Amino acid sequence: MSDPLRVVVGEDDVLMREGIARLLAEAGCEVVAQAGDAEELLRKALAHHPDVVIADVQMPPGHGDDGLRAALELRRQRPETAVLVLS
């Protein structure tokens, strides 16, 4: 049996973030961290070395494209990490 997929979830809406994490856990993934803003998302994704990062486009602190920019920076620093961007 293979190891579960390790995932970091970045979403500023708590209900959406918890829902995504729960669905992933029920599907057999290991949610290693959750983040409510773009800076926290990048920090946790770099620290936890997940297989996949799920990132919302619009996240604090600026509520613009902060989540997308964090995802791009993660891909620059860790190109082996898969990124799924939600909009």
N, C-alpha and C. Protein backbone atom coordinates (compact mmCIF):
# COMPACT_ATOMS: atom_id res chain seq x y z
N MET A 1 0.84 -1.18 0.00
CA MET A 1 0.00 0.00 0.00
C MET A 1 0.88 1.25 0.00
N SER A 2 0.54 2.23 -0.82
CA SER A 2 1.35 3.45 -0.90
C SER A 2 0.96 4.43 0.20
N ASP A 3 1.85 5.35 0.47
CA ASP A 3 1.60 6.39 1.47
C ASP A 3 0.48 7.30 0.99
N PRO A 4 -0.29 7.87 1.92
CA PRO A 4 -1.35 8.79 1.52
C PRO A 4 -0.76 10.08 0.95
N LEU A 5 -1.51 10.70 0.07
CA LEU A 5 -1.14 11.98 -0.51
C LEU A 5 -1.13 13.03 0.58
N ARG A 6 -0.02 13.75 0.71
CA ARG A 6 0.11 14.81 1.73
C ARG A 6 -0.31 16.14 1.11
N VAL A 7 -1.23 16.84 1.79
CA VAL A 7 -1.84 18.04 1.22
C VAL A 7 -1.80 19.19 2.22
N VAL A 8 -1.53 20.40 1.71
CA VAL A 8 -1.71 21.65 2.46
C VAL A 8 -2.85 22.40 1.79
N VAL A 9 -3.80 22.87 2.59
CA VAL A 9 -4.97 23.58 2.08
C VAL A 9 -4.87 25.05 2.48
N GLY A 10 -4.93 25.94 1.48
CA GLY A 10 -4.93 27.38 1.71
C GLY A 10 -6.23 27.99 1.24
N GLU A 11 -7.04 28.45 2.18
CA GLU A 11 -8.36 29.04 1.88
C GLU A 11 -8.71 29.95 3.05
N ASP A 12 -9.09 31.19 2.77
CA ASP A 12 -9.37 32.11 3.87
C ASP A 12 -10.76 31.92 4.49
N ASP A 13 -11.68 31.33 3.78
CA ASP A 13 -13.01 31.05 4.33
C ASP A 13 -12.92 29.77 5.16
N VAL A 14 -13.17 29.88 6.46
CA VAL A 14 -12.99 28.76 7.38
C VAL A 14 -13.87 27.56 7.02
N LEU A 15 -15.13 27.81 6.70
CA LEU A 15 -16.02 26.69 6.36
C LEU A 15 -15.57 25.97 5.10
N MET A 16 -15.16 26.73 4.11
CA MET A 16 -14.67 26.13 2.86
C MET A 16 -13.38 25.34 3.12
N ARG A 17 -12.47 25.94 3.88
CA ARG A 17 -11.19 25.27 4.18
C ARG A 17 -11.42 23.98 4.94
N GLU A 18 -12.26 24.02 5.97
CA GLU A 18 -12.54 22.82 6.75
C GLU A 18 -13.26 21.77 5.91
N GLY A 19 -14.16 22.22 5.03
CA GLY A 19 -14.86 21.28 4.16
C GLY A 19 -13.92 20.57 3.20
N ILE A 20 -13.03 21.33 2.60
CA ILE A 20 -12.04 20.74 1.69
C ILE A 20 -11.16 19.74 2.44
N ALA A 21 -10.69 20.15 3.62
CA ALA A 21 -9.82 19.27 4.41
C ALA A 21 -10.56 17.99 4.79
N ARG A 22 -11.80 18.10 5.16
CA ARG A 22 -12.56 16.91 5.56
C ARG A 22 -12.79 15.97 4.38
N LEU A 23 -13.14 16.53 3.23
CA LEU A 23 -13.33 15.69 2.03
C LEU A 23 -12.03 14.98 1.66
N LEU A 24 -10.92 15.69 1.74
CA LEU A 24 -9.63 15.07 1.42
C LEU A 24 -9.29 13.96 2.41
N ALA A 25 -9.52 14.21 3.69
CA ALA A 25 -9.24 13.20 4.70
C ALA A 25 -10.11 11.97 4.50
N GLU A 26 -11.38 12.18 4.21
CA GLU A 26 -12.29 11.05 3.97
C GLU A 26 -11.90 10.26 2.72
N ALA A 27 -11.22 10.91 1.78
CA ALA A 27 -10.76 10.24 0.57
C ALA A 27 -9.42 9.54 0.76
N GLY A 28 -8.85 9.66 1.98
CA GLY A 28 -7.61 8.97 2.27
C GLY A 28 -6.36 9.82 2.18
N CYS A 29 -6.52 11.11 1.96
CA CYS A 29 -5.36 12.02 1.93
C CYS A 29 -5.00 12.43 3.33
N GLU A 30 -3.76 12.82 3.52
CA GLU A 30 -3.30 13.34 4.81
C GLU A 30 -3.16 14.85 4.69
N VAL A 31 -4.06 15.58 5.33
CA VAL A 31 -4.00 17.04 5.33
C VAL A 31 -3.00 17.42 6.43
N VAL A 32 -1.81 17.85 6.00
CA VAL A 32 -0.73 18.10 6.95
C VAL A 32 -0.77 19.51 7.52
N ALA A 33 -1.47 20.44 6.84
CA ALA A 33 -1.58 21.81 7.34
C ALA A 33 -2.70 22.53 6.61
N GLN A 34 -3.21 23.56 7.29
CA GLN A 34 -4.20 24.45 6.71
C GLN A 34 -3.75 25.88 6.95
N ALA A 35 -4.10 26.77 6.02
CA ALA A 35 -3.69 28.17 6.13
C ALA A 35 -4.84 29.08 5.73
N GLY A 36 -4.94 30.20 6.44
CA GLY A 36 -5.99 31.16 6.16
C GLY A 36 -5.55 32.40 5.43
N ASP A 37 -4.24 32.54 5.21
CA ASP A 37 -3.75 33.67 4.40
C ASP A 37 -2.56 33.20 3.56
N ALA A 38 -2.20 34.01 2.59
CA ALA A 38 -1.19 33.62 1.61
C ALA A 38 0.19 33.44 2.23
N GLU A 39 0.55 34.29 3.17
CA GLU A 39 1.87 34.18 3.79
C GLU A 39 1.98 32.89 4.60
N GLU A 40 0.93 32.58 5.33
CA GLU A 40 0.89 31.34 6.12
C GLU A 40 0.90 30.12 5.19
N LEU A 41 0.21 30.21 4.08
CA LEU A 41 0.18 29.12 3.10
C LEU A 41 1.58 28.81 2.60
N LEU A 42 2.31 29.83 2.18
CA LEU A 42 3.66 29.60 1.67
C LEU A 42 4.55 29.04 2.77
N ARG A 43 4.48 29.62 3.95
CA ARG A 43 5.30 29.16 5.07
C ARG A 43 5.03 27.68 5.40
N LYS A 44 3.77 27.30 5.50
CA LYS A 44 3.42 25.93 5.84
C LYS A 44 3.74 24.96 4.71
N ALA A 45 3.54 25.39 3.47
CA ALA A 45 3.85 24.52 2.34
C ALA A 45 5.35 24.24 2.26
N LEU A 46 6.16 25.24 2.54
CA LEU A 46 7.61 25.03 2.53
C LEU A 46 8.05 24.17 3.71
N ALA A 47 7.40 24.31 4.85
CA ALA A 47 7.79 23.57 6.05
C ALA A 47 7.37 22.11 6.01
N HIS A 48 6.19 21.82 5.44
CA HIS A 48 5.63 20.47 5.51
C HIS A 48 5.94 19.57 4.31
N HIS A 49 6.51 20.13 3.25
CA HIS A 49 6.86 19.35 2.06
C HIS A 49 5.70 18.48 1.56
N PRO A 50 4.54 19.08 1.27
CA PRO A 50 3.40 18.28 0.82
C PRO A 50 3.59 17.81 -0.62
N ASP A 51 2.78 16.83 -1.01
CA ASP A 51 2.74 16.41 -2.41
C ASP A 51 1.93 17.41 -3.24
N VAL A 52 0.88 17.96 -2.60
CA VAL A 52 -0.05 18.88 -3.28
C VAL A 52 -0.38 20.04 -2.36
N VAL A 53 -0.49 21.23 -2.96
CA VAL A 53 -0.99 22.41 -2.26
C VAL A 53 -2.23 22.88 -2.98
N ILE A 54 -3.31 23.10 -2.22
CA ILE A 54 -4.53 23.67 -2.77
C ILE A 54 -4.57 25.12 -2.30
N ALA A 55 -4.65 26.06 -3.25
CA ALA A 55 -4.58 27.48 -2.91
C ALA A 55 -5.74 28.24 -3.54
N ASP A 56 -6.39 29.05 -2.73
CA ASP A 56 -7.39 29.99 -3.23
C ASP A 56 -6.65 31.15 -3.87
N VAL A 57 -7.18 31.69 -4.96
CA VAL A 57 -6.54 32.82 -5.63
C VAL A 57 -6.56 34.05 -4.74
N GLN A 58 -7.74 34.40 -4.26
CA GLN A 58 -7.89 35.62 -3.47
C GLN A 58 -7.83 35.27 -1.98
N MET A 59 -6.75 35.70 -1.35
CA MET A 59 -6.54 35.45 0.07
C MET A 59 -5.99 36.70 0.72
N PRO A 60 -6.14 36.80 2.05
CA PRO A 60 -5.47 37.89 2.76
C PRO A 60 -3.96 37.72 2.61
N PRO A 61 -3.16 38.73 2.77
CA PRO A 61 -3.56 39.98 3.37
C PRO A 61 -4.21 40.97 2.41
N GLY A 62 -3.96 40.88 1.13
CA GLY A 62 -4.45 41.90 0.20
C GLY A 62 -5.78 41.60 -0.44
N HIS A 63 -6.23 40.37 -0.36
CA HIS A 63 -7.48 39.91 -0.99
C HIS A 63 -7.49 40.14 -2.50
N GLY A 64 -6.31 40.24 -3.08
CA GLY A 64 -6.19 40.31 -4.54
C GLY A 64 -5.80 38.94 -5.03
N ASP A 65 -4.65 38.86 -5.66
CA ASP A 65 -4.17 37.57 -6.15
C ASP A 65 -3.09 36.98 -5.24
N ASP A 66 -3.18 37.28 -3.95
CA ASP A 66 -2.15 36.87 -2.99
C ASP A 66 -1.96 35.35 -2.96
N GLY A 67 -3.04 34.60 -3.00
CA GLY A 67 -2.94 33.14 -2.98
C GLY A 67 -2.25 32.61 -4.23
N LEU A 68 -2.56 33.20 -5.37
CA LEU A 68 -1.92 32.81 -6.62
C LEU A 68 -0.43 33.13 -6.58
N ARG A 69 -0.08 34.29 -6.07
CA ARG A 69 1.33 34.65 -5.97
C ARG A 69 2.08 33.73 -5.02
N ALA A 70 1.43 33.31 -3.92
CA ALA A 70 2.06 32.35 -3.01
C ALA A 70 2.27 31.01 -3.70
N ALA A 71 1.29 30.58 -4.50
CA ALA A 71 1.41 29.32 -5.24
C ALA A 71 2.56 29.39 -6.25
N LEU A 72 2.69 30.52 -6.93
CA LEU A 72 3.78 30.68 -7.89
C LEU A 72 5.14 30.66 -7.20
N GLU A 73 5.23 31.30 -6.04
CA GLU A 73 6.49 31.30 -5.29
C GLU A 73 6.82 29.89 -4.80
N LEU A 74 5.81 29.17 -4.37
CA LEU A 74 6.03 27.78 -3.97
C LEU A 74 6.56 26.96 -5.14
N ARG A 75 5.97 27.12 -6.30
CA ARG A 75 6.43 26.37 -7.50
C ARG A 75 7.86 26.76 -7.86
N ARG A 76 8.22 28.03 -7.64
CA ARG A 76 9.59 28.46 -7.93
C ARG A 76 10.57 27.78 -6.97
N GLN A 77 10.19 27.72 -5.68
CA GLN A 77 11.10 27.14 -4.69
C GLN A 77 11.04 25.62 -4.63
N ARG A 78 9.88 25.04 -4.90
CA ARG A 78 9.68 23.60 -4.82
C ARG A 78 8.90 23.12 -6.05
N PRO A 79 9.55 23.05 -7.20
CA PRO A 79 8.84 22.68 -8.43
C PRO A 79 8.25 21.29 -8.40
N GLU A 80 8.69 20.43 -7.50
CA GLU A 80 8.16 19.07 -7.42
C GLU A 80 6.79 19.03 -6.73
N THR A 81 6.38 20.11 -6.09
CA THR A 81 5.09 20.16 -5.41
C THR A 81 4.00 20.53 -6.40
N ALA A 82 2.98 19.69 -6.48
CA ALA A 82 1.83 19.97 -7.35
C ALA A 82 0.98 21.06 -6.70
N VAL A 83 0.38 21.92 -7.53
CA VAL A 83 -0.43 23.02 -7.02
C VAL A 83 -1.77 23.01 -7.75
N LEU A 84 -2.85 23.08 -6.96
CA LEU A 84 -4.20 23.22 -7.49
C LEU A 84 -4.71 24.58 -7.01
N VAL A 85 -5.06 25.46 -7.96
CA VAL A 85 -5.51 26.81 -7.63
C VAL A 85 -7.02 26.88 -7.81
N LEU A 86 -7.71 27.33 -6.76
CA LEU A 86 -9.16 27.51 -6.80
C LEU A 86 -9.48 28.99 -7.01
N SER A 87 -10.48 29.25 -7.83
CA SER A 87 -10.89 30.65 -8.01
C SER A 87 -12.37 30.80 -7.81
